[in-house]
Amino acid sequence: MLQRFLPLWLTALCGVAWLWPQSPLAEYDPFAATAPQLKYLIGVTMFAIGCLLEREEVRNVLRRWPVVLGGTTAQYLVMPTAAWLTGRLFGLEGDLLLGVLMVGCVPGAMASNVLTLTARGNVSYSVSLTTAATMLSPVVVPGVLYLATRETDIDRVRLARDAFVTLVTQVAGPVIAGHLLARNIRRLSEVMQWLGPLVANFSILWIIAVIVNAHHASIASATGRLWPALLLINLVGYSAGWLAGSWMRLTDGMRKALVLEIGLQNAGLGSVLAKELLPGRSEAALPPVLYMFGCMLTGTLLAHWLGRCTPAEAVPLTGTAKGARAEDISAGESAAGKPAAEESVSG
């Protein structure tokens, strides 16, 4: 239930976080109290995702590496470029520009796997893309940040170095650890099949809510140029996914997955990275939070539209999408009834 109605839970929890400082209960603020633990919460989230990552999905990444690498390359080329150009186009400066660049540099979000199911797309390919982008993030993201921030006043070498260490210890490392432990400890695997989605999704919701709580005074005024800039980045991501999928001649279901993967950035991770890597620049965490709201809204609407207006493709149930209903899965089966992993990746 939490996974299926993620946008509603996100809105509700962040609404509470935003209003809490003005409420009669403001004397104790649970959001502010847990702010120092956000980096550990990201690690817990990634560990849960690693436990849910099935062995077959890892094989899929290796088996069809050309289209997985092609989709991941498109994401890491398009989104940072779109963020940098959009920030310049809208005249954003200082911390807000750094936050927008962080939005463009982070890997895709797990929410894309769930929305791909809603879109009746190829969930297996979506999981492969998210896995590849996450595992490559310690290598790619520091380099992209180094290039994207060349006209800012920060120490780019320190930023790239700290980003590498953070992504290894809080993102890639926990995913690998969770996957290996779940593969070798059957009881852990069984428990995480039902507990993992709850832990991962609630952790992301809480991280965003804590950032909203910390910036409750500035969110109301974060209109003007920032909202349109973030929306433009989001739409560019969707468009780039569709064009890249067409250029690679992917099946319709795989193209849907790529569209949602590129447009839905891991803004929760982006807000934590901004908070940790850019100390003293608190507003840099604001654009990722606002992007999270925007992309979840547009992604949900787009996924429902794609699911109704385009043909379905096989969507095998994967660890990261196990919160879906059985009827949702059966609705996504192709007429041939073949699993996505057996389909031709060239279309």
C-alpha atoms as a PDB file:
ATOM      1  CA  MET A   1       0.000   0.000   0.000  1.00  0.00           C
ATOM      2  CA  LEU A   2       2.825   2.389   0.849  1.00  0.00           C
ATOM      3  CA  GLN A   3       4.520   1.743  -2.480  1.00  0.00           C
ATOM      4  CA  ARG A   4       1.395   1.988  -4.633  1.00  0.00           C
ATOM      5  CA  PHE A   5       0.302   5.332  -3.150  1.00  0.00           C
ATOM      6  CA  LEU A   6       3.778   6.810  -2.739  1.00  0.00           C
ATOM      7  CA  PRO A   7       2.872  10.301  -4.097  1.00  0.00           C
ATOM      8  CA  LEU A   8      -0.001  10.603  -1.610  1.00  0.00           C
ATOM      9  CA  TRP A   9       2.131   9.481   1.335  1.00  0.00           C
ATOM     10  CA  LEU A  10       4.888  11.837   0.209  1.00  0.00           C
ATOM     11  CA  THR A  11       2.497  14.791   0.124  1.00  0.00           C
ATOM     12  CA  ALA A  12       0.929  13.926   3.474  1.00  0.00           C
ATOM     13  CA  LEU A  13       4.171  13.365   5.378  1.00  0.00           C
ATOM     14  CA  CYS A  14       5.870  16.422   3.927  1.00  0.00           C
ATOM     15  CA  GLY A  15       2.802  18.490   4.734  1.00  0.00           C
ATOM     16  CA  VAL A  16       3.118  17.430   8.365  1.00  0.00           C
ATOM     17  CA  ALA A  17       6.863  18.168   8.320  1.00  0.00           C
ATOM     18  CA  TRP A  18       6.271  21.619   6.848  1.00  0.00           C
ATOM     19  CA  LEU A  19       3.594  22.573   9.374  1.00  0.00           C
ATOM     20  CA  TRP A  20       5.222  21.011  12.452  1.00  0.00           C
ATOM     21  CA  PRO A  21       7.422  24.020  13.427  1.00  0.00           C
ATOM     22  CA  GLN A  22       4.274  26.189  13.631  1.00  0.00           C
ATOM     23  CA  SER A  23       2.202  23.606  15.507  1.00  0.00           C
ATOM     24  CA  PRO A  24       1.603  23.356  19.279  1.00  0.00           C
ATOM     25  CA  LEU A  25       3.926  20.326  19.252  1.00  0.00           C
ATOM     26  CA  ALA A  26       6.885  22.323  17.959  1.00  0.00           C
ATOM     27  CA  GLU A  27       8.740  22.032  21.266  1.00  0.00           C
ATOM     28  CA  TYR A  28       9.871  18.590  20.146  1.00  0.00           C
ATOM     29  CA  ASP A  29      10.440  18.206  16.427  1.00  0.00           C
ATOM     30  CA  PRO A  30      11.052  14.556  15.373  1.00  0.00           C
ATOM     31  CA  PHE A  31      12.084  15.666  11.894  1.00  0.00           C
ATOM     32  CA  ALA A  32      14.763  18.041  13.126  1.00  0.00           C
ATOM     33  CA  ALA A  33      15.883  15.516  15.745  1.00  0.00           C
ATOM     34  CA  THR A  34      16.611  12.878  13.090  1.00  0.00           C
ATOM     35  CA  ALA A  35      18.326  15.211  10.605  1.00  0.00           C
ATOM     36  CA  PRO A  36      21.879  14.177  11.661  1.00  0.00           C
ATOM     37  CA  GLN A  37      21.028  10.531  10.897  1.00  0.00           C
ATOM     38  CA  LEU A  38      20.010  11.028   7.257  1.00  0.00           C
ATOM     39  CA  LYS A  39      23.253   9.632   5.877  1.00  0.00           C
ATOM     40  CA  TYR A  40      22.687   6.413   7.803  1.00  0.00           C
ATOM     41  CA  LEU A  41      19.100   6.268   6.578  1.00  0.00           C
ATOM     42  CA  ILE A  42      20.319   6.377   2.980  1.00  0.00           C
ATOM     43  CA  GLY A  43      22.574   3.426   3.775  1.00  0.00           C
ATOM     44  CA  VAL A  44      19.645   1.497   5.247  1.00  0.00           C
ATOM     45  CA  THR A  45      17.572   2.258   2.142  1.00  0.00           C
ATOM     46  CA  MET A  46      20.276   1.008  -0.203  1.00  0.00           C
ATOM     47  CA  PHE A  47      20.839  -2.112   1.902  1.00  0.00           C
ATOM     48  CA  ALA A  48      17.130  -2.926   1.639  1.00  0.00           C
ATOM     49  CA  ILE A  49      17.235  -2.411  -2.119  1.00  0.00           C
ATOM     50  CA  GLY A  50      20.251  -4.707  -2.339  1.00  0.00           C
ATOM     51  CA  CYS A  51      18.382  -7.422  -0.439  1.00  0.00           C
ATOM     52  CA  LEU A  52      15.498  -7.109  -2.915  1.00  0.00           C
ATOM     53  CA  LEU A  53      17.770  -7.266  -5.955  1.00  0.00           C
ATOM     54  CA  GLU A  54      17.285 -10.745  -7.324  1.00  0.00           C
ATOM     55  CA  ARG A  55      20.066 -12.787  -8.876  1.00  0.00           C
ATOM     56  CA  GLU A  56      18.219 -12.898 -12.206  1.00  0.00           C
ATOM     57  CA  GLU A  57      18.185  -9.105 -12.375  1.00  0.00           C
ATOM     58  CA  VAL A  58      21.952  -8.996 -11.989  1.00  0.00           C
ATOM     59  CA  ARG A  59      22.205 -11.533 -14.801  1.00  0.00           C
ATOM     60  CA  ASN A  60      19.910  -9.360 -16.917  1.00  0.00           C
ATOM     61  CA  VAL A  61      22.277  -6.410 -16.540  1.00  0.00           C
ATOM     62  CA  LEU A  62      25.138  -8.539 -17.854  1.00  0.00           C
ATOM     63  CA  ARG A  63      23.079 -10.405 -20.434  1.00  0.00           C
ATOM     64  CA  ARG A  64      21.812  -7.294 -22.211  1.00  0.00           C
ATOM     65  CA  TRP A  65      24.589  -4.907 -21.293  1.00  0.00           C
ATOM     66  CA  PRO A  66      24.491  -2.928 -24.595  1.00  0.00           C
ATOM     67  CA  VAL A  67      20.971  -1.558 -24.029  1.00  0.00           C
ATOM     68  CA  VAL A  68      21.489  -1.197 -20.270  1.00  0.00           C
ATOM     69  CA  LEU A  69      24.724   0.718 -20.820  1.00  0.00           C
ATOM     70  CA  GLY A  70      23.081   2.733 -23.601  1.00  0.00           C
ATOM     71  CA  GLY A  71      20.186   3.784 -21.372  1.00  0.00           C
ATOM     72  CA  THR A  72      22.440   4.586 -18.431  1.00  0.00           C
ATOM     73  CA  THR A  73      24.775   6.602 -20.656  1.00  0.00           C
ATOM     74  CA  ALA A  74      21.817   8.588 -21.984  1.00  0.00           C
ATOM     75  CA  GLN A  75      20.744   9.368 -18.421  1.00  0.00           C
ATOM     76  CA  TYR A  76      24.174  10.488 -17.244  1.00  0.00           C
ATOM     77  CA  LEU A  77      24.708  12.597 -20.363  1.00  0.00           C
ATOM     78  CA  VAL A  78      21.291  14.224 -20.662  1.00  0.00           C
ATOM     79  CA  MET A  79      20.309  15.040 -17.079  1.00  0.00           C
ATOM     80  CA  PRO A  80      23.478  16.835 -15.912  1.00  0.00           C
ATOM     81  CA  THR A  81      23.582  18.767 -19.190  1.00  0.00           C
ATOM     82  CA  ALA A  82      19.908  19.675 -18.906  1.00  0.00           C
ATOM     83  CA  ALA A  83      20.404  20.797 -15.292  1.00  0.00           C
ATOM     84  CA  TRP A  84      23.380  22.992 -16.166  1.00  0.00           C
ATOM     85  CA  LEU A  85      21.745  24.576 -19.227  1.00  0.00           C
ATOM     86  CA  THR A  86      18.429  25.102 -17.447  1.00  0.00           C
ATOM     87  CA  GLY A  87      20.100  26.663 -14.431  1.00  0.00           C
ATOM     88  CA  ARG A  88      21.866  29.130 -16.730  1.00  0.00           C
ATOM     89  CA  LEU A  89      18.722  29.750 -18.782  1.00  0.00           C
ATOM     90  CA  PHE A  90      16.701  30.689 -15.696  1.00  0.00           C
ATOM     91  CA  GLY A  91      19.514  32.703 -14.139  1.00  0.00           C
ATOM     92  CA  LEU A  92      19.887  30.554 -11.031  1.00  0.00           C
ATOM     93  CA  GLU A  93      22.955  31.250  -8.912  1.00  0.00           C
ATOM     94  CA  GLY A  94      24.723  30.169  -5.739  1.00  0.00           C
ATOM     95  CA  ASP A  95      23.224  27.414  -3.623  1.00  0.00           C
ATOM     96  CA  LEU A  96      20.121  26.997  -5.759  1.00  0.00           C
ATOM     97  CA  LEU A  97      22.238  26.415  -8.873  1.00  0.00           C
ATOM     98  CA  LEU A  98      24.301  23.823  -6.998  1.00  0.00           C
ATOM     99  CA  GLY A  99      21.103  22.084  -5.892  1.00  0.00           C
ATOM    100  CA  VAL A 100      19.784  21.999  -9.455  1.00  0.00           C
ATOM    101  CA  LEU A 101      23.082  20.517 -10.640  1.00  0.00           C
ATOM    102  CA  MET A 102      22.792  17.866  -7.927  1.00  0.00           C
ATOM    103  CA  VAL A 103      19.348  16.960  -9.271  1.00  0.00           C
ATOM    104  CA  GLY A 104      20.855  16.307 -12.675  1.00  0.00           C
ATOM    105  CA  CYS A 105      23.833  14.297 -11.455  1.00  0.00           C
ATOM    106  CA  VAL A 106      22.252  11.645  -9.225  1.00  0.00           C
ATOM    107  CA  PRO A 107      21.186   8.218 -10.566  1.00  0.00           C
ATOM    108  CA  GLY A 108      17.609   7.149 -11.219  1.00  0.00           C
ATOM    109  CA  ALA A 109      15.146   6.368  -8.462  1.00  0.00           C
ATOM    110  CA  MET A 110      13.541   3.091  -7.387  1.00  0.00           C
ATOM    111  CA  ALA A 111      10.159   4.740  -7.958  1.00  0.00           C
ATOM    112  CA  SER A 112      10.747   4.336 -11.696  1.00  0.00           C
ATOM    113  CA  ASN A 113      10.462   0.550 -11.288  1.00  0.00           C
ATOM    114  CA  VAL A 114       7.029   0.843  -9.691  1.00  0.00           C
ATOM    115  CA  LEU A 115       5.769   3.417 -12.197  1.00  0.00           C
ATOM    116  CA  THR A 116       7.042   1.282 -15.076  1.00  0.00           C
ATOM    117  CA  LEU A 117       4.701  -1.419 -13.801  1.00  0.00           C
ATOM    118  CA  THR A 118       1.866   1.129 -13.825  1.00  0.00           C
ATOM    119  CA  ALA A 119       2.816   2.093 -17.388  1.00  0.00           C
ATOM    120  CA  ARG A 120       2.650  -1.584 -18.396  1.00  0.00           C
ATOM    121  CA  GLY A 121       6.277  -1.425 -19.416  1.00  0.00           C
ATOM    122  CA  ASN A 122       9.256  -3.728 -19.027  1.00  0.00           C
ATOM    123  CA  VAL A 123       9.969  -3.758 -15.293  1.00  0.00           C
ATOM    124  CA  SER A 124      12.946  -6.073 -15.693  1.00  0.00           C
ATOM    125  CA  TYR A 125      14.681  -3.540 -17.938  1.00  0.00           C
ATOM    126  CA  SER A 126      13.766  -0.740 -15.518  1.00  0.00           C
ATOM    127  CA  VAL A 127      15.376  -2.596 -12.614  1.00  0.00           C
ATOM    128  CA  SER A 128      18.450  -3.267 -14.764  1.00  0.00           C
ATOM    129  CA  LEU A 129      18.776   0.454 -15.528  1.00  0.00           C
ATOM    130  CA  THR A 130      18.384   1.472 -11.881  1.00  0.00           C
ATOM    131  CA  THR A 131      20.898  -1.156 -10.798  1.00  0.00           C
ATOM    132  CA  ALA A 132      23.476  -0.102 -13.380  1.00  0.00           C
ATOM    133  CA  ALA A 133      23.065   3.626 -12.645  1.00  0.00           C
ATOM    134  CA  THR A 134      23.355   3.034  -8.895  1.00  0.00           C
ATOM    135  CA  MET A 135      26.443   0.829  -9.142  1.00  0.00           C
ATOM    136  CA  LEU A 136      28.159   3.226 -11.560  1.00  0.00           C
ATOM    137  CA  SER A 137      27.302   6.297  -9.481  1.00  0.00           C
ATOM    138  CA  PRO A 138      30.545   6.306  -7.388  1.00  0.00           C
ATOM    139  CA  VAL A 139      32.529   6.565 -10.618  1.00  0.00           C
ATOM    140  CA  VAL A 140      30.253   8.716 -12.773  1.00  0.00           C
ATOM    141  CA  VAL A 141      28.649  11.165 -10.336  1.00  0.00           C
ATOM    142  CA  PRO A 142      31.912  12.627  -8.915  1.00  0.00           C
ATOM    143  CA  GLY A 143      33.203  13.216 -12.450  1.00  0.00           C
ATOM    144  CA  VAL A 144      29.936  14.784 -13.574  1.00  0.00           C
ATOM    145  CA  LEU A 145      29.836  17.026 -10.492  1.00  0.00           C
ATOM    146  CA  TYR A 146      33.423  18.083 -11.141  1.00  0.00           C
ATOM    147  CA  LEU A 147      32.559  19.149 -14.687  1.00  0.00           C
ATOM    148  CA  ALA A 148      29.154  20.642 -13.898  1.00  0.00           C
ATOM    149  CA  THR A 149      30.464  22.919 -11.124  1.00  0.00           C
ATOM    150  CA  ARG A 150      33.427  24.338 -13.017  1.00  0.00           C
ATOM    151  CA  GLU A 151      31.949  27.861 -12.974  1.00  0.00           C
ATOM    152  CA  THR A 152      31.052  27.861  -9.296  1.00  0.00           C
ATOM    153  CA  ASP A 153      33.085  28.960  -6.298  1.00  0.00           C
ATOM    154  CA  ILE A 154      33.463  25.563  -4.627  1.00  0.00           C
ATOM    155  CA  ASP A 155      36.488  23.288  -4.377  1.00  0.00           C
ATOM    156  CA  ARG A 156      35.691  20.857  -7.203  1.00  0.00           C
ATOM    157  CA  VAL A 157      38.449  18.398  -6.317  1.00  0.00           C
ATOM    158  CA  ARG A 158      37.221  18.096  -2.732  1.00  0.00           C
ATOM    159  CA  LEU A 159      33.625  17.810  -3.939  1.00  0.00           C
ATOM    160  CA  ALA A 160      34.476  14.974  -6.352  1.00  0.00           C
ATOM    161  CA  ARG A 161      36.570  13.154  -3.739  1.00  0.00           C
ATOM    162  CA  ASP A 162      33.909  13.416  -1.036  1.00  0.00           C
ATOM    163  CA  ALA A 163      31.191  12.385  -3.494  1.00  0.00           C
ATOM    164  CA  PHE A 164      33.135   9.243  -4.382  1.00  0.00           C
ATOM    165  CA  VAL A 165      33.606   8.259  -0.737  1.00  0.00           C
ATOM    166  CA  THR A 166      29.969   9.010   0.130  1.00  0.00           C
ATOM    167  CA  LEU A 167      28.551   7.076  -2.812  1.00  0.00           C
ATOM    168  CA  VAL A 168      30.764   4.058  -2.130  1.00  0.00           C
ATOM    169  CA  THR A 169      29.972   3.906   1.596  1.00  0.00           C
ATOM    170  CA  GLN A 170      26.312   4.953   1.545  1.00  0.00           C
ATOM    171  CA  VAL A 171      25.039   3.770  -1.846  1.00  0.00           C
ATOM    172  CA  ALA A 172      27.008   1.134  -3.772  1.00  0.00           C
ATOM    173  CA  GLY A 173      28.508  -0.593  -0.728  1.00  0.00           C
ATOM    174  CA  PRO A 174      25.186  -1.194   1.099  1.00  0.00           C
ATOM    175  CA  VAL A 175      23.541  -2.412  -2.132  1.00  0.00           C
ATOM    176  CA  ILE A 176      26.304  -4.968  -2.696  1.00  0.00           C
ATOM    177  CA  ALA A 177      26.284  -6.037   0.960  1.00  0.00           C
ATOM    178  CA  GLY A 178      22.507  -6.457   0.999  1.00  0.00           C
ATOM    179  CA  HIS A 179      22.508  -8.455  -2.226  1.00  0.00           C
ATOM    180  CA  LEU A 180      25.295 -10.814  -1.133  1.00  0.00           C
ATOM    181  CA  LEU A 181      23.850 -11.388   2.340  1.00  0.00           C
ATOM    182  CA  ALA A 182      20.349 -12.044   0.999  1.00  0.00           C
ATOM    183  CA  ARG A 183      21.748 -14.526  -1.509  1.00  0.00           C
ATOM    184  CA  ASN A 184      23.563 -16.476   1.198  1.00  0.00           C
ATOM    185  CA  ILE A 185      21.181 -16.124   4.160  1.00  0.00           C
ATOM    186  CA  ARG A 186      17.815 -17.543   3.211  1.00  0.00           C
ATOM    187  CA  ARG A 187      16.016 -16.253   6.287  1.00  0.00           C
ATOM    188  CA  LEU A 188      17.200 -12.697   5.612  1.00  0.00           C
ATOM    189  CA  SER A 189      16.007 -12.963   2.022  1.00  0.00           C
ATOM    190  CA  GLU A 190      12.571 -14.168   3.116  1.00  0.00           C
ATOM    191  CA  VAL A 191      12.152 -11.403   5.689  1.00  0.00           C
ATOM    192  CA  MET A 192      13.326  -8.656   3.317  1.00  0.00           C
ATOM    193  CA  GLN A 193      10.892  -9.719   0.597  1.00  0.00           C
ATOM    194  CA  TRP A 194       8.067  -8.162   2.616  1.00  0.00           C
ATOM    195  CA  LEU A 195       9.994  -5.822   4.919  1.00  0.00           C
ATOM    196  CA  GLY A 196      12.426  -4.406   2.319  1.00  0.00           C
ATOM    197  CA  PRO A 197       9.941  -2.363   0.232  1.00  0.00           C
ATOM    198  CA  LEU A 198       8.449  -0.874   3.407  1.00  0.00           C
ATOM    199  CA  VAL A 199      11.878   0.083   4.787  1.00  0.00           C
ATOM    200  CA  ALA A 200      13.156   1.503   1.493  1.00  0.00           C
ATOM    201  CA  ASN A 201      10.077   3.567   0.708  1.00  0.00           C
ATOM    202  CA  PHE A 202       9.551   4.865   4.237  1.00  0.00           C
ATOM    203  CA  SER A 203      13.220   5.847   4.485  1.00  0.00           C
ATOM    204  CA  ILE A 204      13.015   7.903   1.300  1.00  0.00           C
ATOM    205  CA  LEU A 205       9.775   9.537   2.475  1.00  0.00           C
ATOM    206  CA  TRP A 206      11.327  10.427   5.827  1.00  0.00           C
ATOM    207  CA  ILE A 207      14.486  11.846   4.241  1.00  0.00           C
ATOM    208  CA  ILE A 208      12.454  14.165   2.027  1.00  0.00           C
ATOM    209  CA  ALA A 209      10.212  15.165   4.940  1.00  0.00           C
ATOM    210  CA  VAL A 210      13.228  16.045   7.112  1.00  0.00           C
ATOM    211  CA  ILE A 211      14.622  18.297   4.359  1.00  0.00           C
ATOM    212  CA  VAL A 212      11.208  19.924   3.919  1.00  0.00           C
ATOM    213  CA  ASN A 213      11.047  20.533   7.675  1.00  0.00           C
ATOM    214  CA  ALA A 214      14.494  22.124   7.666  1.00  0.00           C
ATOM    215  CA  HIS A 215      13.487  24.497   4.846  1.00  0.00           C
ATOM    216  CA  HIS A 216       9.864  25.130   5.757  1.00  0.00           C
ATOM    217  CA  ALA A 217      10.412  28.885   5.754  1.00  0.00           C
ATOM    218  CA  SER A 218      11.927  29.029   2.269  1.00  0.00           C
ATOM    219  CA  ILE A 219       9.758  26.473   0.437  1.00  0.00           C
ATOM    220  CA  ALA A 220       6.781  28.810   0.266  1.00  0.00           C
ATOM    221  CA  SER A 221       8.889  31.389  -1.561  1.00  0.00           C
ATOM    222  CA  ALA A 222      10.636  28.874  -3.819  1.00  0.00           C
ATOM    223  CA  THR A 223       8.533  29.761  -6.827  1.00  0.00           C
ATOM    224  CA  GLY A 224       9.489  32.119  -9.618  1.00  0.00           C
ATOM    225  CA  ARG A 225      12.362  30.635 -11.574  1.00  0.00           C
ATOM    226  CA  LEU A 226      13.095  27.468  -9.566  1.00  0.00           C
ATOM    227  CA  TRP A 227       9.846  25.559 -10.108  1.00  0.00           C
ATOM    228  CA  PRO A 228       9.760  26.135 -13.905  1.00  0.00           C
ATOM    229  CA  ALA A 229      13.448  25.192 -14.157  1.00  0.00           C
ATOM    230  CA  LEU A 230      12.906  21.889 -12.353  1.00  0.00           C
ATOM    231  CA  LEU A 231       9.829  21.117 -14.431  1.00  0.00           C
ATOM    232  CA  LEU A 232      11.797  21.750 -17.627  1.00  0.00           C
ATOM    233  CA  ILE A 233      14.572  19.364 -16.498  1.00  0.00           C
ATOM    234  CA  ASN A 234      11.947  16.728 -15.739  1.00  0.00           C
ATOM    235  CA  LEU A 235      10.292  17.063 -19.156  1.00  0.00           C
ATOM    236  CA  VAL A 236      13.650  17.011 -20.927  1.00  0.00           C
ATOM    237  CA  GLY A 237      14.417  13.747 -19.129  1.00  0.00           C
ATOM    238  CA  TYR A 238      11.195  12.114 -20.298  1.00  0.00           C
ATOM    239  CA  SER A 239      11.722  13.334 -23.863  1.00  0.00           C
ATOM    240  CA  ALA A 240      15.337  12.171 -23.907  1.00  0.00           C
ATOM    241  CA  GLY A 241      14.276   8.718 -22.712  1.00  0.00           C
ATOM    242  CA  TRP A 242      11.769   8.399 -25.532  1.00  0.00           C
ATOM    243  CA  LEU A 243      14.233   9.600 -28.169  1.00  0.00           C
ATOM    244  CA  ALA A 244      17.076   7.422 -26.867  1.00  0.00           C
ATOM    245  CA  GLY A 245      14.764   4.401 -26.773  1.00  0.00           C
ATOM    246  CA  SER A 246      13.703   5.046 -30.354  1.00  0.00           C
ATOM    247  CA  TRP A 247      17.297   5.496 -31.471  1.00  0.00           C
ATOM    248  CA  MET A 248      18.288   2.185 -29.829  1.00  0.00           C
ATOM    249  CA  ARG A 249      15.178   0.560 -31.358  1.00  0.00           C
ATOM    250  CA  LEU A 250      13.912  -0.734 -28.025  1.00  0.00           C
ATOM    251  CA  THR A 251      10.579  -2.448 -27.632  1.00  0.00           C
ATOM    252  CA  ASP A 252       7.705  -0.223 -26.501  1.00  0.00           C
ATOM    253  CA  GLY A 253       7.858  -1.599 -22.968  1.00  0.00           C
ATOM    254  CA  MET A 254      11.600  -1.019 -22.655  1.00  0.00           C
ATOM    255  CA  ARG A 255      11.203   2.490 -24.031  1.00  0.00           C
ATOM    256  CA  LYS A 256       8.583   3.260 -21.381  1.00  0.00           C
ATOM    257  CA  ALA A 257      11.039   2.049 -18.742  1.00  0.00           C
ATOM    258  CA  LEU A 258      13.794   4.285 -20.103  1.00  0.00           C
ATOM    259  CA  VAL A 259      11.495   7.316 -20.218  1.00  0.00           C
ATOM    260  CA  LEU A 260      10.602   6.960 -16.541  1.00  0.00           C
ATOM    261  CA  GLU A 261      14.132   6.009 -15.487  1.00  0.00           C
ATOM    262  CA  ILE A 262      15.686   9.154 -16.935  1.00  0.00           C
ATOM    263  CA  GLY A 263      12.943  11.526 -15.801  1.00  0.00           C
ATOM    264  CA  LEU A 264      12.731  10.208 -12.225  1.00  0.00           C
ATOM    265  CA  GLN A 265      15.986  11.145 -10.547  1.00  0.00           C
ATOM    266  CA  ASN A 266      16.865   9.899  -7.046  1.00  0.00           C
ATOM    267  CA  ALA A 267      16.142  13.272  -5.486  1.00  0.00           C
ATOM    268  CA  GLY A 268      16.161  11.821  -1.973  1.00  0.00           C
ATOM    269  CA  LEU A 269      19.790  10.854  -2.463  1.00  0.00           C
ATOM    270  CA  GLY A 270      20.427  14.235  -4.085  1.00  0.00           C
ATOM    271  CA  SER A 271      19.153  16.137  -1.061  1.00  0.00           C
ATOM    272  CA  VAL A 272      21.350  14.100   1.310  1.00  0.00           C
ATOM    273  CA  LEU A 273      24.390  14.528  -0.937  1.00  0.00           C
ATOM    274  CA  ALA A 274      23.792  18.271  -1.085  1.00  0.00           C
ATOM    275  CA  LYS A 275      23.527  18.414   2.700  1.00  0.00           C
ATOM    276  CA  GLU A 276      26.692  16.376   3.265  1.00  0.00           C
ATOM    277  CA  LEU A 277      28.919  17.549   0.422  1.00  0.00           C
ATOM    278  CA  LEU A 278      28.034  21.224   0.592  1.00  0.00           C
ATOM    279  CA  PRO A 279      28.194  22.188   4.294  1.00  0.00           C
ATOM    280  CA  GLY A 280      27.098  25.715   4.993  1.00  0.00           C
ATOM    281  CA  ARG A 281      25.030  25.807   1.790  1.00  0.00           C
ATOM    282  CA  SER A 282      21.700  24.673   3.169  1.00  0.00           C
ATOM    283  CA  GLU A 283      19.599  25.903   0.241  1.00  0.00           C
ATOM    284  CA  ALA A 284      21.398  23.481  -2.091  1.00  0.00           C
ATOM    285  CA  ALA A 285      19.222  20.686  -0.657  1.00  0.00           C
ATOM    286  CA  LEU A 286      16.014  22.506  -1.612  1.00  0.00           C
ATOM    287  CA  PRO A 287      15.916  21.854  -5.414  1.00  0.00           C
ATOM    288  CA  PRO A 288      16.172  18.044  -4.991  1.00  0.00           C
ATOM    289  CA  VAL A 289      13.255  18.106  -2.555  1.00  0.00           C
ATOM    290  CA  LEU A 290      11.095  20.176  -4.895  1.00  0.00           C
ATOM    291  CA  TYR A 291      12.111  17.975  -7.811  1.00  0.00           C
ATOM    292  CA  MET A 292      10.980  14.921  -5.847  1.00  0.00           C
ATOM    293  CA  PHE A 293       7.490  16.372  -5.560  1.00  0.00           C
ATOM    294  CA  GLY A 294       7.355  17.401  -9.186  1.00  0.00           C
ATOM    295  CA  CYS A 295       8.730  14.216 -10.730  1.00  0.00           C
ATOM    296  CA  MET A 296       6.513  11.964  -8.614  1.00  0.00           C
ATOM    297  CA  LEU A 297       3.461  13.913  -9.770  1.00  0.00           C
ATOM    298  CA  THR A 298       4.381  14.073 -13.450  1.00  0.00           C
ATOM    299  CA  GLY A 299       5.744  10.515 -13.403  1.00  0.00           C
ATOM    300  CA  THR A 300       2.529   9.117 -11.936  1.00  0.00           C
ATOM    301  CA  LEU A 301       0.398  10.949 -14.501  1.00  0.00           C
ATOM    302  CA  LEU A 302       2.681   9.909 -17.352  1.00  0.00           C
ATOM    303  CA  ALA A 303       2.765   6.271 -16.226  1.00  0.00           C
ATOM    304  CA  HIS A 304      -1.025   6.058 -16.115  1.00  0.00           C
ATOM    305  CA  TRP A 305      -1.279   7.666 -19.551  1.00  0.00           C
ATOM    306  CA  LEU A 306       1.298   5.312 -21.040  1.00  0.00           C
ATOM    307  CA  GLY A 307      -0.461   2.345 -19.496  1.00  0.00           C
ATOM    308  CA  ARG A 308      -3.746   3.287 -21.164  1.00  0.00           C
ATOM    309  CA  CYS A 309      -2.559   4.613 -24.513  1.00  0.00           C
ATOM    310  CA  THR A 310       0.220   2.229 -25.540  1.00  0.00           C
ATOM    311  CA  PRO A 311       0.467  -1.568 -25.848  1.00  0.00           C
ATOM    312  CA  ALA A 312       1.451  -3.616 -22.828  1.00  0.00           C
ATOM    313  CA  GLU A 313       4.670  -5.572 -22.549  1.00  0.00           C
ATOM    314  CA  ALA A 314       5.581  -8.421 -20.245  1.00  0.00           C
ATOM    315  CA  VAL A 315       6.395  -7.153 -16.770  1.00  0.00           C
ATOM    316  CA  PRO A 316       7.846  -9.943 -14.602  1.00  0.00           C
ATOM    317  CA  LEU A 317       7.563  -9.341 -10.888  1.00  0.00           C
ATOM    318  CA  THR A 318      10.900  -8.276  -9.464  1.00  0.00           C
ATOM    319  CA  GLY A 319      12.111  -7.664  -5.964  1.00  0.00           C
ATOM    320  CA  THR A 320      11.802  -3.883  -6.241  1.00  0.00           C
ATOM    321  CA  ALA A 321       8.256  -4.031  -7.526  1.00  0.00           C
ATOM    322  CA  LYS A 322       6.749  -6.687  -5.292  1.00  0.00           C
ATOM    323  CA  GLY A 323       4.391  -4.244  -3.660  1.00  0.00           C
ATOM    324  CA  ALA A 324       2.178  -4.334  -6.770  1.00  0.00           C
ATOM    325  CA  ARG A 325      -1.023  -6.292  -7.012  1.00  0.00           C
ATOM    326  CA  ALA A 326      -1.205  -9.548  -8.916  1.00  0.00           C
ATOM    327  CA  GLU A 327      -3.830  -8.088 -11.253  1.00  0.00           C
ATOM    328  CA  ASP A 328      -1.464  -5.262 -12.164  1.00  0.00           C
ATOM    329  CA  ILE A 329       1.124  -7.830 -13.212  1.00  0.00           C
ATOM    330  CA  SER A 330      -1.277  -9.922 -15.233  1.00  0.00           C
ATOM    331  CA  ALA A 331      -2.522  -6.787 -16.974  1.00  0.00           C
ATOM    332  CA  GLY A 332       1.001  -6.097 -18.147  1.00  0.00           C
ATOM    333  CA  GLU A 333       1.530  -9.438 -19.852  1.00  0.00           C
ATOM    334  CA  SER A 334       1.961  -9.437 -23.585  1.00  0.00           C
ATOM    335  CA  ALA A 335      -0.283 -11.384 -25.905  1.00  0.00           C
ATOM    336  CA  ALA A 336       2.462 -13.932 -26.371  1.00  0.00           C
ATOM    337  CA  GLY A 337       2.814 -14.295 -22.609  1.00  0.00           C
ATOM    338  CA  LYS A 338       6.605 -14.337 -22.845  1.00  0.00           C
ATOM    339  CA  PRO A 339       8.708 -12.941 -19.986  1.00  0.00           C
ATOM    340  CA  ALA A 340      10.535  -9.724 -20.703  1.00  0.00           C
ATOM    341  CA  ALA A 341      13.893 -11.321 -20.122  1.00  0.00           C
ATOM    342  CA  GLU A 342      13.305 -13.563 -23.166  1.00  0.00           C
ATOM    343  CA  GLU A 343      12.359 -10.769 -25.532  1.00  0.00           C
ATOM    344  CA  SER A 344      14.628  -9.297 -28.139  1.00  0.00           C
ATOM    345  CA  VAL A 345      16.284  -6.160 -26.873  1.00  0.00           C
ATOM    346  CA  SER A 346      16.509  -4.677 -30.349  1.00  0.00           C
ATOM    347  CA  GLY A 347      12.755  -4.657 -30.927  1.00  0.00           C
END
